[in-house]
């Protein structure tokens, strides 16, 4: 494996360390950042569930792939916008990372990150190569 090259890990192989912020591919066809958390008993369950927070995604069910967040390759969107049609990871003011496509919606003259029209994006980077068979929804 090349150094600094992004790599996806199956949640069936192993999970990230608890509390480590990573990228996940959700069953909804999006890439976002999340951290694994152990939740307390509610009285109805016999074991403490381990979920990807903040959205409570279940490993192996809602999330099948995860990877460390790439540190390199980020660009300032004001100085260096992506090529039109590019699939990207985007980062906003508070560090939230999501998948998006840089494209021109119908009737708009300038491209923007979709599906987050109006969301203030500060940084972007090319989408890491996805695992075989994975398709994102935009």
N, C-alpha and C. Protein backbone atom coordinates (compact mmCIF):
# COMPACT_ATOMS: atom_id res chain seq x y z
N UNK A 1 0.84 -1.17 0.00
CA UNK A 1 0.00 0.00 0.00
C UNK A 1 0.90 1.25 0.00
N UNK A 2 0.59 2.19 -0.91
CA UNK A 2 1.38 3.41 -0.98
C UNK A 2 1.15 4.27 0.25
N UNK A 3 2.22 4.92 0.68
CA UNK A 3 2.10 5.81 1.82
C UNK A 3 1.23 7.01 1.42
N UNK A 4 0.36 7.47 2.30
CA UNK A 4 -0.55 8.59 2.10
C UNK A 4 -1.64 8.32 1.07
N UNK A 5 -1.74 7.10 0.54
CA UNK A 5 -2.82 6.79 -0.39
C UNK A 5 -4.04 6.36 0.43
N UNK A 6 -5.20 7.00 0.20
CA UNK A 6 -6.40 6.63 0.96
C UNK A 6 -6.77 5.16 0.74
N UNK A 7 -7.29 4.52 1.78
CA UNK A 7 -7.68 3.12 1.69
C UNK A 7 -8.95 2.89 2.51
N UNK A 8 -9.86 2.12 1.96
CA UNK A 8 -11.13 1.78 2.62
C UNK A 8 -10.98 0.43 3.31
N UNK A 9 -11.63 0.29 4.45
CA UNK A 9 -11.61 -0.95 5.22
C UNK A 9 -13.06 -1.41 5.39
N UNK A 10 -13.30 -2.69 5.20
CA UNK A 10 -14.62 -3.25 5.43
C UNK A 10 -14.89 -3.29 6.94
N UNK A 11 -16.10 -2.94 7.34
CA UNK A 11 -16.45 -3.00 8.77
C UNK A 11 -16.48 -4.45 9.26
N UNK A 12 -16.51 -5.40 8.35
CA UNK A 12 -16.46 -6.81 8.75
C UNK A 12 -15.03 -7.22 9.12
N UNK A 13 -14.03 -6.53 8.54
CA UNK A 13 -12.63 -6.84 8.86
C UNK A 13 -12.29 -6.34 10.25
N UNK A 14 -12.46 -5.05 10.49
CA UNK A 14 -12.28 -4.46 11.81
C UNK A 14 -12.84 -3.05 11.80
N UNK A 15 -13.06 -2.52 12.99
CA UNK A 15 -13.63 -1.18 13.15
C UNK A 15 -12.55 -0.21 13.61
N UNK A 16 -12.77 1.08 13.39
CA UNK A 16 -11.79 2.06 13.89
C UNK A 16 -11.81 2.09 15.42
N UNK A 17 -10.80 2.72 15.99
CA UNK A 17 -10.77 2.90 17.44
C UNK A 17 -11.95 3.77 17.86
N UNK A 18 -12.49 3.48 19.02
CA UNK A 18 -13.62 4.27 19.52
C UNK A 18 -13.21 5.73 19.68
N UNK A 19 -14.05 6.64 19.17
CA UNK A 19 -13.80 8.07 19.25
C UNK A 19 -12.97 8.64 18.12
N UNK A 20 -12.33 7.78 17.31
CA UNK A 20 -11.52 8.26 16.18
C UNK A 20 -12.44 8.75 15.06
N UNK A 21 -12.26 9.97 14.60
CA UNK A 21 -13.06 10.53 13.51
C UNK A 21 -12.55 9.95 12.19
N UNK A 22 -13.44 9.29 11.45
CA UNK A 22 -13.10 8.64 10.19
C UNK A 22 -14.14 8.99 9.14
N UNK A 23 -13.88 8.62 7.90
CA UNK A 23 -14.88 8.72 6.84
C UNK A 23 -15.61 7.40 6.76
N UNK A 24 -16.91 7.47 6.51
CA UNK A 24 -17.72 6.26 6.33
C UNK A 24 -18.52 6.39 5.04
N UNK A 25 -18.83 5.25 4.44
CA UNK A 25 -19.76 5.21 3.32
C UNK A 25 -21.05 4.64 3.87
N UNK A 26 -22.12 5.43 3.81
CA UNK A 26 -23.41 5.00 4.37
C UNK A 26 -24.21 4.20 3.34
N UNK A 27 -25.19 3.49 3.83
CA UNK A 27 -26.06 2.72 2.93
C UNK A 27 -26.91 3.63 2.05
N UNK A 28 -26.91 4.93 2.37
CA UNK A 28 -27.67 5.91 1.59
C UNK A 28 -26.84 6.46 0.43
N UNK A 29 -25.62 5.94 0.24
CA UNK A 29 -24.79 6.35 -0.88
C UNK A 29 -24.08 7.66 -0.68
N UNK A 30 -23.73 7.97 0.57
CA UNK A 30 -23.00 9.19 0.87
C UNK A 30 -21.73 8.86 1.66
N UNK A 31 -20.78 9.76 1.57
CA UNK A 31 -19.57 9.67 2.39
C UNK A 31 -19.65 10.82 3.37
N UNK A 32 -19.39 10.54 4.64
CA UNK A 32 -19.42 11.57 5.67
C UNK A 32 -18.44 11.19 6.77
N UNK A 33 -18.18 12.14 7.67
CA UNK A 33 -17.31 11.83 8.79
C UNK A 33 -18.14 11.37 9.98
N UNK A 34 -17.56 10.51 10.79
CA UNK A 34 -18.25 9.97 11.96
C UNK A 34 -17.21 9.38 12.91
N UNK A 35 -17.65 9.06 14.12
CA UNK A 35 -16.78 8.42 15.11
C UNK A 35 -17.56 7.28 15.75
N UNK A 36 -16.89 6.19 16.00
CA UNK A 36 -17.51 5.03 16.63
C UNK A 36 -17.71 5.32 18.12
N UNK A 37 -18.90 5.03 18.64
CA UNK A 37 -19.23 5.28 20.04
C UNK A 37 -19.96 4.06 20.62
N UNK A 38 -19.73 3.80 21.89
CA UNK A 38 -20.49 2.78 22.61
C UNK A 38 -21.57 3.48 23.40
N UNK A 39 -22.80 3.07 23.20
CA UNK A 39 -23.94 3.71 23.86
C UNK A 39 -24.33 2.92 25.11
N UNK A 40 -24.90 3.59 26.06
CA UNK A 40 -25.30 2.97 27.33
C UNK A 40 -26.54 2.11 27.16
N UNK A 41 -26.71 1.18 28.08
CA UNK A 41 -27.92 0.34 28.09
C UNK A 41 -29.17 1.22 28.24
N UNK A 42 -30.23 0.82 27.57
CA UNK A 42 -31.51 1.52 27.75
C UNK A 42 -32.45 0.68 28.61
N UNK A 43 -32.05 -0.51 28.95
CA UNK A 43 -32.91 -1.41 29.71
C UNK A 43 -33.58 -2.43 28.82
N UNK A 44 -33.75 -2.11 27.53
CA UNK A 44 -34.41 -3.03 26.60
C UNK A 44 -33.40 -3.92 25.87
N UNK A 45 -32.17 -3.45 25.76
CA UNK A 45 -31.18 -4.24 25.04
C UNK A 45 -30.26 -4.97 26.03
N UNK A 46 -29.71 -6.08 25.57
CA UNK A 46 -28.85 -6.89 26.44
C UNK A 46 -27.39 -6.48 26.34
N UNK A 47 -27.02 -5.86 25.24
CA UNK A 47 -25.63 -5.43 25.08
C UNK A 47 -25.60 -3.93 24.76
N UNK A 48 -24.46 -3.31 25.00
CA UNK A 48 -24.29 -1.90 24.63
C UNK A 48 -24.05 -1.83 23.12
N UNK A 49 -24.86 -1.07 22.38
CA UNK A 49 -24.62 -0.98 20.94
C UNK A 49 -23.42 -0.10 20.63
N UNK A 50 -22.68 -0.48 19.61
CA UNK A 50 -21.58 0.32 19.10
C UNK A 50 -22.08 0.90 17.79
N UNK A 51 -22.13 2.23 17.69
CA UNK A 51 -22.69 2.91 16.53
C UNK A 51 -21.77 4.02 16.06
N UNK A 52 -21.89 4.38 14.77
CA UNK A 52 -21.17 5.53 14.25
C UNK A 52 -21.98 6.79 14.57
N UNK A 53 -21.37 7.68 15.33
CA UNK A 53 -22.01 8.91 15.79
C UNK A 53 -21.61 10.05 14.87
N UNK A 54 -22.42 11.04 14.61
CA UNK A 54 -23.59 11.45 15.37
C UNK A 54 -24.90 10.87 14.86
N UNK A 55 -24.90 10.10 13.77
CA UNK A 55 -26.16 9.66 13.17
C UNK A 55 -26.63 8.27 13.59
N UNK A 56 -25.91 7.63 14.50
CA UNK A 56 -26.26 6.30 15.03
C UNK A 56 -26.36 5.24 13.93
N UNK A 57 -25.40 5.26 13.00
CA UNK A 57 -25.34 4.24 11.96
C UNK A 57 -24.73 2.97 12.53
N UNK A 58 -25.35 1.82 12.19
CA UNK A 58 -24.88 0.53 12.68
C UNK A 58 -23.78 -0.02 11.77
N UNK A 59 -22.64 -0.44 12.37
CA UNK A 59 -21.61 -1.10 11.56
C UNK A 59 -22.16 -2.38 10.93
N UNK A 60 -21.72 -2.69 9.74
CA UNK A 60 -22.10 -3.87 8.96
C UNK A 60 -23.53 -3.82 8.43
N UNK A 61 -24.31 -2.85 8.84
CA UNK A 61 -25.68 -2.72 8.35
C UNK A 61 -25.84 -1.38 7.62
N UNK A 62 -25.65 -0.27 8.33
CA UNK A 62 -25.76 1.07 7.74
C UNK A 62 -24.43 1.52 7.15
N UNK A 63 -23.32 1.01 7.67
CA UNK A 63 -21.98 1.36 7.22
C UNK A 63 -21.21 0.08 6.94
N UNK A 64 -20.73 -0.06 5.71
CA UNK A 64 -19.96 -1.25 5.35
C UNK A 64 -18.49 -0.93 5.12
N UNK A 65 -18.16 0.36 4.96
CA UNK A 65 -16.78 0.77 4.68
C UNK A 65 -16.42 2.01 5.49
N UNK A 66 -15.15 2.08 5.91
CA UNK A 66 -14.64 3.27 6.59
C UNK A 66 -13.18 3.45 6.20
N UNK A 67 -12.65 4.64 6.43
CA UNK A 67 -11.24 4.91 6.17
C UNK A 67 -10.78 6.10 7.01
N UNK A 68 -9.48 6.19 7.30
CA UNK A 68 -8.98 7.39 7.98
C UNK A 68 -9.23 8.61 7.10
N UNK A 69 -9.41 9.75 7.70
CA UNK A 69 -9.63 10.98 6.93
C UNK A 69 -8.32 11.40 6.28
N UNK A 70 -8.33 11.57 4.95
CA UNK A 70 -7.09 11.99 4.27
C UNK A 70 -6.67 13.39 4.74
N UNK A 71 -5.39 13.52 5.02
CA UNK A 71 -4.87 14.81 5.49
C UNK A 71 -4.37 15.66 4.34
N UNK A 72 -4.00 15.03 3.23
CA UNK A 72 -3.44 15.80 2.12
C UNK A 72 -4.46 15.94 0.99
N UNK A 73 -4.12 16.80 0.03
CA UNK A 73 -4.96 16.96 -1.15
C UNK A 73 -6.11 17.93 -1.01
N UNK A 74 -6.21 18.64 0.10
CA UNK A 74 -7.30 19.60 0.30
C UNK A 74 -6.97 20.92 -0.39
N UNK A 75 -7.97 21.51 -1.04
CA UNK A 75 -7.80 22.77 -1.78
C UNK A 75 -8.77 23.81 -1.24
N UNK A 76 -8.35 25.06 -1.27
CA UNK A 76 -9.22 26.19 -0.91
C UNK A 76 -10.15 26.44 -2.09
N UNK A 77 -11.45 26.32 -1.89
CA UNK A 77 -12.41 26.41 -2.98
C UNK A 77 -12.41 27.78 -3.65
N UNK A 78 -12.09 28.84 -2.91
CA UNK A 78 -12.08 30.19 -3.49
C UNK A 78 -10.90 30.38 -4.44
N UNK A 79 -9.79 29.74 -4.15
CA UNK A 79 -8.59 29.90 -4.98
C UNK A 79 -8.44 28.83 -6.06
N UNK A 80 -9.04 27.69 -5.83
CA UNK A 80 -8.84 26.57 -6.75
C UNK A 80 -10.09 25.68 -6.78
N UNK A 81 -11.12 26.08 -7.52
CA UNK A 81 -12.32 25.23 -7.59
C UNK A 81 -12.05 23.94 -8.37
N UNK A 82 -12.83 22.89 -8.11
CA UNK A 82 -12.63 21.63 -8.85
C UNK A 82 -13.12 21.75 -10.29
N UNK A 83 -12.81 20.76 -11.08
CA UNK A 83 -13.31 20.70 -12.46
C UNK A 83 -14.80 20.36 -12.42
N UNK A 84 -15.54 20.93 -13.33
CA UNK A 84 -16.98 20.68 -13.35
C UNK A 84 -17.26 19.18 -13.53
N UNK A 85 -18.18 18.66 -12.73
CA UNK A 85 -18.54 17.25 -12.75
C UNK A 85 -17.74 16.39 -11.78
N UNK A 86 -16.75 16.98 -11.09
CA UNK A 86 -15.89 16.21 -10.18
C UNK A 86 -16.65 15.76 -8.94
N UNK A 87 -16.41 14.50 -8.54
CA UNK A 87 -16.90 14.00 -7.26
C UNK A 87 -15.85 14.37 -6.22
N UNK A 88 -16.29 14.98 -5.12
CA UNK A 88 -15.35 15.53 -4.14
C UNK A 88 -15.77 15.19 -2.71
N UNK A 89 -14.80 15.37 -1.82
CA UNK A 89 -15.10 15.49 -0.40
C UNK A 89 -15.06 16.98 -0.13
N UNK A 90 -16.02 17.47 0.63
CA UNK A 90 -16.06 18.89 0.96
C UNK A 90 -15.99 19.08 2.47
N UNK A 91 -15.44 20.22 2.88
CA UNK A 91 -15.34 20.53 4.30
C UNK A 91 -15.82 21.96 4.51
N UNK A 92 -16.71 22.12 5.50
CA UNK A 92 -17.23 23.43 5.84
C UNK A 92 -16.48 24.06 7.00
N UNK A 93 -17.03 25.15 7.50
CA UNK A 93 -16.39 25.95 8.54
C UNK A 93 -16.09 25.17 9.81
N UNK A 94 -16.95 24.24 10.20
CA UNK A 94 -16.77 23.52 11.45
C UNK A 94 -16.10 22.17 11.28
N UNK A 95 -15.53 21.91 10.10
CA UNK A 95 -14.78 20.68 9.87
C UNK A 95 -15.62 19.50 9.44
N UNK A 96 -16.93 19.66 9.26
CA UNK A 96 -17.80 18.57 8.80
C UNK A 96 -17.43 18.21 7.37
N UNK A 97 -17.26 16.91 7.12
CA UNK A 97 -16.88 16.43 5.79
C UNK A 97 -18.03 15.63 5.19
N UNK A 98 -18.31 15.88 3.91
CA UNK A 98 -19.37 15.19 3.19
C UNK A 98 -18.95 14.97 1.74
N UNK A 99 -19.65 14.08 1.06
CA UNK A 99 -19.43 13.89 -0.37
C UNK A 99 -20.32 14.84 -1.15
N UNK A 100 -19.84 15.30 -2.29
CA UNK A 100 -20.61 16.22 -3.13
C UNK A 100 -20.05 16.17 -4.55
N UNK A 101 -20.82 16.69 -5.47
CA UNK A 101 -20.38 16.82 -6.86
C UNK A 101 -20.38 18.30 -7.22
N UNK A 102 -19.35 18.76 -7.92
CA UNK A 102 -19.24 20.15 -8.36
C UNK A 102 -19.89 20.22 -9.73
N UNK A 103 -21.14 20.72 -9.76
CA UNK A 103 -21.84 20.77 -11.03
C UNK A 103 -22.80 21.96 -11.07
N UNK A 104 -23.31 22.19 -12.24
CA UNK A 104 -24.19 23.33 -12.51
C UNK A 104 -25.64 22.85 -12.49
N UNK A 105 -26.41 23.24 -11.46
CA UNK A 105 -27.83 22.86 -11.45
C UNK A 105 -28.57 23.54 -12.60
N UNK A 106 -29.68 23.00 -12.99
CA UNK A 106 -30.48 23.55 -14.09
C UNK A 106 -30.82 25.01 -13.80
N UNK A 107 -30.55 25.86 -14.77
CA UNK A 107 -30.90 27.28 -14.65
C UNK A 107 -29.91 28.12 -13.87
N UNK A 108 -28.76 27.55 -13.48
CA UNK A 108 -27.75 28.29 -12.71
C UNK A 108 -26.51 28.44 -13.59
N UNK A 109 -25.89 29.62 -13.55
CA UNK A 109 -24.74 29.89 -14.41
C UNK A 109 -23.42 29.36 -13.86
N UNK A 110 -23.28 29.36 -12.56
CA UNK A 110 -22.03 28.93 -11.94
C UNK A 110 -22.21 27.57 -11.27
N UNK A 111 -21.21 26.69 -11.37
CA UNK A 111 -21.32 25.40 -10.67
C UNK A 111 -21.28 25.59 -9.16
N UNK A 112 -21.82 24.63 -8.44
CA UNK A 112 -21.79 24.63 -6.98
C UNK A 112 -21.78 23.18 -6.51
N UNK A 113 -21.50 22.99 -5.23
CA UNK A 113 -21.46 21.64 -4.69
C UNK A 113 -22.89 21.13 -4.47
N UNK A 114 -23.21 20.04 -5.12
CA UNK A 114 -24.53 19.44 -5.00
C UNK A 114 -24.38 18.14 -4.24
N UNK A 115 -25.24 17.78 -3.36
CA UNK A 115 -26.59 18.32 -3.16
C UNK A 115 -26.66 19.41 -2.09
N UNK A 116 -25.59 20.11 -1.82
CA UNK A 116 -25.55 21.08 -0.73
C UNK A 116 -25.62 22.52 -1.22
N UNK A 117 -26.56 22.83 -2.06
CA UNK A 117 -26.71 24.18 -2.58
C UNK A 117 -26.84 25.17 -1.43
N UNK A 118 -26.02 26.20 -1.43
CA UNK A 118 -26.08 27.22 -0.39
C UNK A 118 -25.20 26.94 0.81
N UNK A 119 -24.67 25.71 0.95
CA UNK A 119 -23.80 25.36 2.06
C UNK A 119 -22.43 25.98 1.80
N UNK A 120 -21.87 26.69 2.78
CA UNK A 120 -20.58 27.34 2.57
C UNK A 120 -19.45 26.33 2.72
N UNK A 121 -18.85 25.97 1.59
CA UNK A 121 -17.74 25.04 1.55
C UNK A 121 -16.45 25.83 1.57
N UNK A 122 -15.52 25.45 2.43
CA UNK A 122 -14.22 26.12 2.49
C UNK A 122 -13.15 25.35 1.73
N UNK A 123 -13.17 24.00 1.88
CA UNK A 123 -12.13 23.17 1.27
C UNK A 123 -12.76 21.99 0.55
N UNK A 124 -12.05 21.48 -0.43
CA UNK A 124 -12.47 20.29 -1.16
C UNK A 124 -11.23 19.48 -1.50
N UNK A 125 -11.45 18.22 -1.79
CA UNK A 125 -10.40 17.34 -2.30
C UNK A 125 -11.08 16.30 -3.17
N UNK A 126 -10.29 15.70 -4.07
CA UNK A 126 -10.83 14.64 -4.91
C UNK A 126 -11.32 13.50 -4.04
N UNK A 127 -12.40 12.86 -4.48
CA UNK A 127 -12.94 11.71 -3.78
C UNK A 127 -11.93 10.56 -3.86
N UNK A 128 -11.58 9.96 -2.73
CA UNK A 128 -10.71 8.78 -2.80
C UNK A 128 -11.38 7.68 -3.62
N UNK A 129 -10.59 6.85 -4.25
CA UNK A 129 -11.15 5.75 -5.03
C UNK A 129 -12.04 4.92 -4.12
N UNK A 130 -13.25 4.63 -4.60
CA UNK A 130 -14.23 3.90 -3.80
C UNK A 130 -14.02 2.39 -3.96
N UNK A 131 -14.47 1.63 -2.95
CA UNK A 131 -14.39 0.17 -3.07
C UNK A 131 -15.19 -0.31 -4.29
N UNK A 132 -14.80 -1.44 -4.83
CA UNK A 132 -15.45 -1.99 -6.00
C UNK A 132 -16.95 -2.17 -5.75
N UNK A 133 -17.76 -1.69 -6.70
CA UNK A 133 -19.21 -1.84 -6.63
C UNK A 133 -19.93 -0.74 -5.88
N UNK A 134 -19.20 0.16 -5.19
CA UNK A 134 -19.84 1.23 -4.44
C UNK A 134 -20.13 2.40 -5.35
N UNK A 135 -21.38 2.88 -5.31
CA UNK A 135 -21.79 4.05 -6.09
C UNK A 135 -22.40 5.06 -5.13
N UNK A 136 -22.03 6.32 -5.30
CA UNK A 136 -22.58 7.39 -4.47
C UNK A 136 -23.79 8.00 -5.14
N UNK A 137 -24.67 8.60 -4.35
CA UNK A 137 -25.89 9.25 -4.84
C UNK A 137 -25.76 10.75 -4.65
N UNK A 138 -26.02 11.48 -5.74
CA UNK A 138 -25.99 12.95 -5.65
C UNK A 138 -27.28 13.51 -6.16
